[in-house]
């Protein structure tokens, strides 16, 4: 199973010597998971927008956007599951 992040140790020179710092680097799965979470937040925002929209035309546009985000969420979820198996 892939870890979404991995640490890289880096030696950095300082005035008092050398210190080791760890930098977190994401792999592909980590970036896809980030995308999934961002899409989930977008879905929630669009659902909130549907609660306040007044014009029918705008409601239809928001509903279309919501459907597109839901489709993207499904694709990201599928991709994460595939990456977990590699």
Protein backbone atom coordinates (compact mmCIF):
# COMPACT_ATOMS: atom_id res chain seq x y z
CA UNK A 1 0.00 0.00 0.00
CA UNK A 2 1.29 3.45 -0.90
CA UNK A 3 1.79 6.06 1.74
CA UNK A 4 0.29 9.41 0.66
CA UNK A 5 3.38 11.19 1.94
CA UNK A 6 6.99 10.40 2.53
CA UNK A 7 9.71 12.26 4.39
CA UNK A 8 13.01 13.33 2.93
CA UNK A 9 15.81 14.24 5.32
CA UNK A 10 17.81 17.27 4.25
CA UNK A 11 21.01 18.51 5.87
CA UNK A 12 21.05 22.30 6.04
CA UNK A 13 24.08 24.40 6.98
CA UNK A 14 23.52 26.92 9.78
CA UNK A 15 25.73 29.36 11.66
CA UNK A 16 26.08 26.86 14.50
CA UNK A 17 26.66 23.76 12.36
CA UNK A 18 24.44 21.50 10.33
CA UNK A 19 20.87 20.60 11.19
CA UNK A 20 18.64 17.95 9.68
CA UNK A 21 15.21 18.99 8.50
CA UNK A 22 12.44 16.79 7.24
CA UNK A 23 10.44 17.86 4.24
CA UNK A 24 7.14 16.19 3.46
CA UNK A 25 6.76 15.26 -0.19
CA UNK A 26 3.48 13.95 -1.55
CA UNK A 27 3.20 11.12 -3.97
CA UNK A 28 0.51 10.79 -6.66
CA UNK A 29 -2.00 9.26 -4.25
CA UNK A 30 -1.57 12.17 -1.83
CA UNK A 31 -2.27 14.70 -4.57
CA UNK A 32 -5.34 12.77 -5.75
CA UNK A 33 -6.60 12.61 -2.16
CA UNK A 34 -6.12 16.38 -1.86
CA UNK A 35 -8.14 16.82 -5.05
CA UNK A 36 -10.87 14.57 -3.68
CA UNK A 37 -11.14 16.66 -0.52
CA UNK A 38 -11.24 19.91 -2.52
CA UNK A 39 -13.98 18.51 -4.74
CA UNK A 40 -15.92 17.41 -1.66
CA UNK A 41 -15.76 20.98 -0.33
CA UNK A 42 -16.90 22.30 -3.72
CA UNK A 43 -19.85 19.88 -3.63
CA UNK A 44 -20.87 21.15 -0.20
CA UNK A 45 -20.63 24.77 -1.38
CA UNK A 46 -22.78 24.06 -4.42
CA UNK A 47 -25.35 22.27 -2.25
CA UNK A 48 -25.42 25.36 -0.01
CA UNK A 49 -25.85 27.55 -3.09
CA UNK A 50 -28.91 25.51 -4.08
CA UNK A 51 -30.49 26.39 -0.74
CA UNK A 52 -30.24 30.13 -1.45
CA UNK A 53 -30.62 30.48 -5.23
CA UNK A 54 -33.74 32.32 -6.41
CA UNK A 55 -33.69 32.33 -10.22
CA UNK A 56 -34.60 29.15 -12.08
CA UNK A 57 -31.82 29.65 -14.65
CA UNK A 58 -29.23 29.98 -11.91
CA UNK A 59 -30.59 26.90 -10.11
CA UNK A 60 -30.16 24.87 -13.30
CA UNK A 61 -26.57 26.10 -13.73
CA UNK A 62 -25.73 25.23 -10.13
CA UNK A 63 -27.32 21.79 -10.48
CA UNK A 64 -25.26 21.16 -13.63
CA UNK A 65 -22.10 22.21 -11.80
CA UNK A 66 -23.01 19.97 -8.88
CA UNK A 67 -23.46 17.00 -11.22
CA UNK A 68 -20.05 17.66 -12.78
CA UNK A 69 -18.38 17.85 -9.36
CA UNK A 70 -20.10 14.63 -8.25
CA UNK A 71 -18.82 12.90 -11.39
CA UNK A 72 -15.30 14.18 -10.71
CA UNK A 73 -15.56 12.94 -7.11
CA UNK A 74 -16.42 9.45 -8.34
CA UNK A 75 -13.44 9.48 -10.73
CA UNK A 76 -11.04 10.65 -8.00
CA UNK A 77 -12.33 8.02 -5.59
CA UNK A 78 -11.82 5.33 -8.22
CA UNK A 79 -8.29 6.60 -8.92
CA UNK A 80 -7.38 6.58 -5.21
CA UNK A 81 -8.53 2.96 -4.91
CA UNK A 82 -6.41 1.97 -7.92
CA UNK A 83 -3.35 3.78 -6.55
CA UNK A 84 -3.80 2.08 -3.17
CA UNK A 85 -3.54 -1.32 -4.88
CA UNK A 86 -0.26 -0.55 -6.65
